[in-house]
Each structure stands twice: as C-alpha cells, then as structure tokens.
Amino acid sequence: MNAHSAYSRPDDLFTGLTRPYVGSHAHAADHGRWSLSTPPLPIGHHVIDTATAQHGLGFHPASVKVARDFTGTVLRGWGLDTMAPDARLVVSELVTNACRHAVPTVGGSLSQWSIQFGMARDEAHVTCMVVDPSRQPPVRNDPTQYAEGGRGLPLIDSFSSGWGWDIIDGRGKVVWAAFAVPETAA
C-alpha cells in the first residue's frame, strides 16, 4: 500500500509521517484509518463508539448532508463541539469529491457500492476518512476566479491540520483529513 501525504505547509504537524497516527487501538493501528477487514456498512447504517465512528453512504448529493450532520453529532458526543465547523466543511468536500469523482462504472449496479465515511480520534487528533471504490488519486486544481468548481482540495488543505490519500488493494482508496484537538479538549 502506498501512502500519500498532501500536506505541504511548513508548520506540518506530521513532519516525517505520511499519515497521522490516530492511536493504539487495533482499528486505528494502521496509521490513520480504521481496519477495512470489517465488512463495509450498508448505506444508511452507522456505528459510534468512544474512539471511532463509521457511516455507510450512497453516491448521491444527499450523502454530503448526512456526513456533515453525522460529523457534528459524533464531535458533540466526543465533547469536541468547537471542532465541528471546520470538520463539517472538510467532510462536505471529501464526500462531495467521492460522489462526483469516484462513482463506480463497472462491476454491478450502483446500489451495490457505497462510500464508507469514518472518524477516529485520540488525544491529539481527529481524523476523518472517506473510502470509495475508485483507485484514482485526488487531483488538486488551481481554479480561476470564476470557476464553478475545483476548490475542494484547497479548502481541505486550508481547514485541516493535514490530509492525504492511500490506495487500498482491491478496495479503492481512502482520502483522509486530520484535525488537531484543541488543548482545552485534550
């Protein structure tokens, strides 16, 4: 598996790492994403515990709002309400990108595929992850002033502590964004 960090600012919180480490839990030990050895959740199903949360989403625009609302609910449950505005914005972009650019084109009907959205936390970071069936990496564009799209990855870069992507053998890819937990909440 290849890891690709997209973070490039000089104050990089993850210097020397390609992905943020999100804890010592078995599900998060793979440096920033939960184990994909568990079956994907069906569309509309979710699980929340004290260190992880996961939601199965469909390839349609309504999934963006579902993921954004789920993010707010999870962060509120974890006592991290102050992180919600930035995280909700970034999650909107991550899920929008999956809905627009990762729709499966072969191998069954669209209803057989889902986007897996997950969150993992430790004392220092919350990492939001979107798994989709596409093996195509995210492509950052520099949109013109009047362009209608192309601002998603720059927004993710601006509002998160770091982001990147990984190809998952036989399963597509995961695109992740990490957020530093405020010291008052740690």
Protein backbone atom coordinates (compact mmCIF):
# COMPACT_ATOMS: atom_id res chain seq x y z
CA MET A 1 0.00 0.00 0.00
CA ASN A 2 1.28 3.47 -0.83
CA ALA A 3 0.62 6.43 1.42
CA HIS A 4 0.47 9.92 0.03
CA SER A 5 0.52 12.95 2.25
CA ALA A 6 -0.86 16.05 0.66
CA TYR A 7 0.18 18.33 3.46
CA SER A 8 2.85 20.82 2.49
CA ARG A 9 2.77 23.77 4.87
CA PRO A 10 5.98 24.46 6.83
CA ASP A 11 4.29 24.05 10.21
CA ASP A 12 3.37 20.48 9.33
CA LEU A 13 2.16 18.66 12.43
CA PHE A 14 3.13 15.35 10.88
CA THR A 15 6.72 16.01 9.76
CA GLY A 16 8.25 12.72 8.69
CA LEU A 17 4.94 10.88 8.58
CA THR A 18 2.86 10.18 5.53
CA ARG A 19 -0.30 9.84 7.61
CA PRO A 20 -1.22 10.88 11.14
CA TYR A 21 -1.14 8.16 13.77
CA VAL A 22 -4.51 8.15 15.48
CA GLY A 23 -3.93 5.90 18.44
CA SER A 24 -3.04 2.49 19.70
CA HIS A 25 -6.45 0.93 19.10
CA ALA A 26 -6.44 -2.13 16.85
CA HIS A 27 -8.81 -0.42 14.41
CA ALA A 28 -6.55 2.63 14.12
CA ALA A 29 -3.14 1.00 14.27
CA ASP A 30 -2.77 1.28 10.51
CA HIS A 31 -1.57 4.88 10.78
CA GLY A 32 -4.67 6.91 10.27
CA ARG A 33 -7.53 4.77 9.09
CA TRP A 34 -9.71 2.11 10.58
CA SER A 35 -9.27 -1.51 9.62
CA LEU A 36 -11.07 -2.38 6.42
CA SER A 37 -11.09 -6.05 7.37
CA THR A 38 -14.59 -5.50 8.73
CA PRO A 39 -17.39 -5.52 6.16
CA PRO A 40 -18.49 -2.11 4.88
CA LEU A 41 -21.61 -0.74 6.49
CA PRO A 42 -24.75 -0.70 4.37
CA ILE A 43 -25.92 2.69 3.15
CA GLY A 44 -27.68 4.50 5.98
CA HIS A 45 -26.17 2.41 8.78
CA HIS A 46 -23.74 3.84 11.31
CA VAL A 47 -21.71 2.94 14.39
CA ILE A 48 -20.32 5.34 17.01
CA ASP A 49 -18.08 4.48 19.95
CA THR A 50 -15.63 6.39 22.14
CA ALA A 51 -12.78 6.49 19.61
CA THR A 52 -14.29 5.69 16.20
CA ALA A 53 -17.41 6.29 14.16
CA GLN A 54 -18.42 4.94 10.77
CA HIS A 55 -21.30 5.57 8.37
CA GLY A 56 -22.27 3.92 5.07
CA LEU A 57 -23.23 6.49 2.43
CA GLY A 58 -24.64 6.30 -1.09
CA PHE A 59 -23.35 8.01 -4.23
CA HIS A 60 -25.83 10.88 -4.23
CA PRO A 61 -25.81 14.53 -3.14
CA ALA A 62 -27.90 13.86 0.00
CA SER A 63 -24.93 11.90 1.40
CA VAL A 64 -23.00 15.14 1.81
CA LYS A 65 -25.52 16.49 4.31
CA VAL A 66 -25.78 13.12 6.06
CA ALA A 67 -21.98 13.00 6.53
CA ARG A 68 -21.84 16.64 7.66
CA ASP A 69 -24.60 16.10 10.24
CA PHE A 70 -23.03 12.80 11.37
CA THR A 71 -19.72 14.62 11.90
CA GLY A 72 -21.40 17.21 14.12
CA THR A 73 -23.20 14.51 16.12
CA VAL A 74 -20.02 12.49 16.65
CA LEU A 75 -17.92 15.51 17.65
CA ARG A 76 -20.64 16.65 20.06
CA GLY A 77 -20.71 13.17 21.59
CA TRP A 78 -16.93 13.24 21.97
CA GLY A 79 -17.08 16.67 23.67
CA LEU A 80 -15.34 18.33 20.71
CA ASP A 81 -18.09 20.72 19.57
CA THR A 82 -15.60 23.51 18.80
CA MET A 83 -14.07 21.40 16.03
CA ALA A 84 -17.38 20.94 14.22
CA PRO A 85 -17.41 23.95 11.85
CA ASP A 86 -14.05 23.16 10.21
CA ALA A 87 -14.58 19.39 10.28
CA ARG A 88 -18.08 19.65 8.79
CA LEU A 89 -16.78 21.83 5.93
CA VAL A 90 -13.92 19.43 5.16
CA VAL A 91 -16.16 16.36 5.39
CA SER A 92 -18.56 18.03 2.94
CA GLU A 93 -15.71 18.39 0.47
CA LEU A 94 -14.40 14.84 1.00
CA VAL A 95 -17.82 13.27 0.44
CA THR A 96 -18.65 15.60 -2.47
CA ASN A 97 -15.42 14.54 -4.18
CA ALA A 98 -16.31 10.86 -3.71
CA CYS A 99 -19.83 11.42 -5.06
CA ARG A 100 -18.54 13.34 -8.09
CA HIS A 101 -15.34 11.54 -8.99
CA ALA A 102 -15.48 8.01 -7.59
CA VAL A 103 -18.79 6.63 -8.82
CA PRO A 104 -18.18 3.02 -9.88
CA THR A 105 -18.52 2.49 -13.62
CA VAL A 106 -18.15 -1.30 -13.81
CA GLY A 107 -18.98 -4.33 -11.72
CA GLY A 108 -22.59 -4.29 -10.68
CA SER A 109 -25.29 -1.78 -10.10
CA LEU A 110 -24.62 1.44 -8.27
CA SER A 111 -26.71 0.21 -5.34
CA GLN A 112 -24.10 -2.49 -4.67
CA TRP A 113 -21.45 0.13 -3.87
CA SER A 114 -21.18 2.56 -1.01
CA ILE A 115 -18.93 5.25 0.34
CA GLN A 116 -17.60 4.44 3.80
CA PHE A 117 -17.14 7.52 5.98
CA GLY A 118 -15.22 7.13 9.21
CA MET A 119 -13.80 9.16 12.06
CA ALA A 120 -11.09 8.15 14.52
CA ARG A 121 -9.76 10.09 17.48
CA ASP A 122 -7.03 10.10 20.04
CA GLU A 123 -5.95 12.80 22.49
CA ALA A 124 -4.22 14.88 19.80
CA HIS A 125 -6.19 14.40 16.56
CA VAL A 126 -9.50 13.58 14.96
CA THR A 127 -9.12 12.02 11.52
CA CYS A 128 -12.00 11.94 9.04
CA MET A 129 -11.76 9.34 6.27
CA VAL A 130 -13.74 8.60 3.12
CA VAL A 131 -13.30 5.24 1.41
CA ASP A 132 -14.58 4.87 -2.14
CA PRO A 133 -14.13 2.20 -4.83
CA SER A 134 -12.03 4.36 -7.17
CA ARG A 135 -8.28 3.88 -7.36
CA GLN A 136 -7.82 7.31 -8.96
CA PRO A 137 -5.98 9.74 -6.68
CA PRO A 138 -7.44 13.12 -5.82
CA VAL A 139 -6.29 15.81 -8.25
CA ARG A 140 -5.73 19.30 -6.95
CA ASN A 141 -6.63 22.05 -9.41
CA ASP A 142 -5.93 25.72 -9.17
CA PRO A 143 -9.27 27.13 -10.29
CA THR A 144 -9.65 30.50 -11.89
CA GLN A 145 -11.54 33.19 -10.05
CA TYR A 146 -14.76 32.44 -11.93
CA ALA A 147 -14.56 28.64 -11.99
CA GLU A 148 -17.59 26.85 -10.56
CA GLY A 149 -15.57 24.01 -9.03
CA GLY A 150 -12.08 22.92 -8.15
CA ARG A 151 -11.86 24.48 -4.69
CA GLY A 152 -12.50 21.34 -2.61
CA LEU A 153 -8.92 20.17 -2.06
CA PRO A 154 -7.61 23.70 -1.37
CA LEU A 155 -10.39 24.07 1.24
CA ILE A 156 -9.47 20.72 2.79
CA ASP A 157 -5.83 21.82 2.90
CA SER A 158 -6.73 25.16 4.50
CA PHE A 159 -9.15 23.93 7.16
CA SER A 160 -7.44 20.70 8.28
CA SER A 161 -4.13 20.05 10.02
CA GLY A 162 -3.17 17.64 7.24
CA TRP A 163 -4.67 15.46 4.56
CA GLY A 164 -3.69 12.72 2.16
CA TRP A 165 -4.80 9.54 0.45
CA ASP A 166 -3.95 5.86 0.21
CA ILE A 167 -4.74 3.19 -2.35
CA ILE A 168 -6.31 0.17 -0.66
CA ASP A 169 -5.52 -3.02 -2.53
CA GLY A 170 -8.71 -4.41 -4.02
CA ARG A 171 -10.91 -1.88 -2.20
CA GLY A 172 -10.33 1.52 -3.86
CA LYS A 173 -8.85 4.37 -1.87
CA VAL A 174 -9.17 6.29 1.36
CA VAL A 175 -8.89 10.08 1.44
CA TRP A 176 -8.33 11.46 4.94
CA ALA A 177 -8.10 14.79 6.71
CA ALA A 178 -6.83 15.27 10.26
CA PHE A 179 -7.67 17.97 12.78
CA ALA A 180 -5.70 18.89 15.88
CA VAL A 181 -7.78 18.55 19.05
CA PRO A 182 -7.82 21.89 20.91
CA GLU A 183 -5.70 21.82 24.08
CA THR A 184 -8.73 22.67 26.20
CA ALA A 185 -10.46 19.49 24.98
CA ALA A 186 -7.48 17.12 25.18
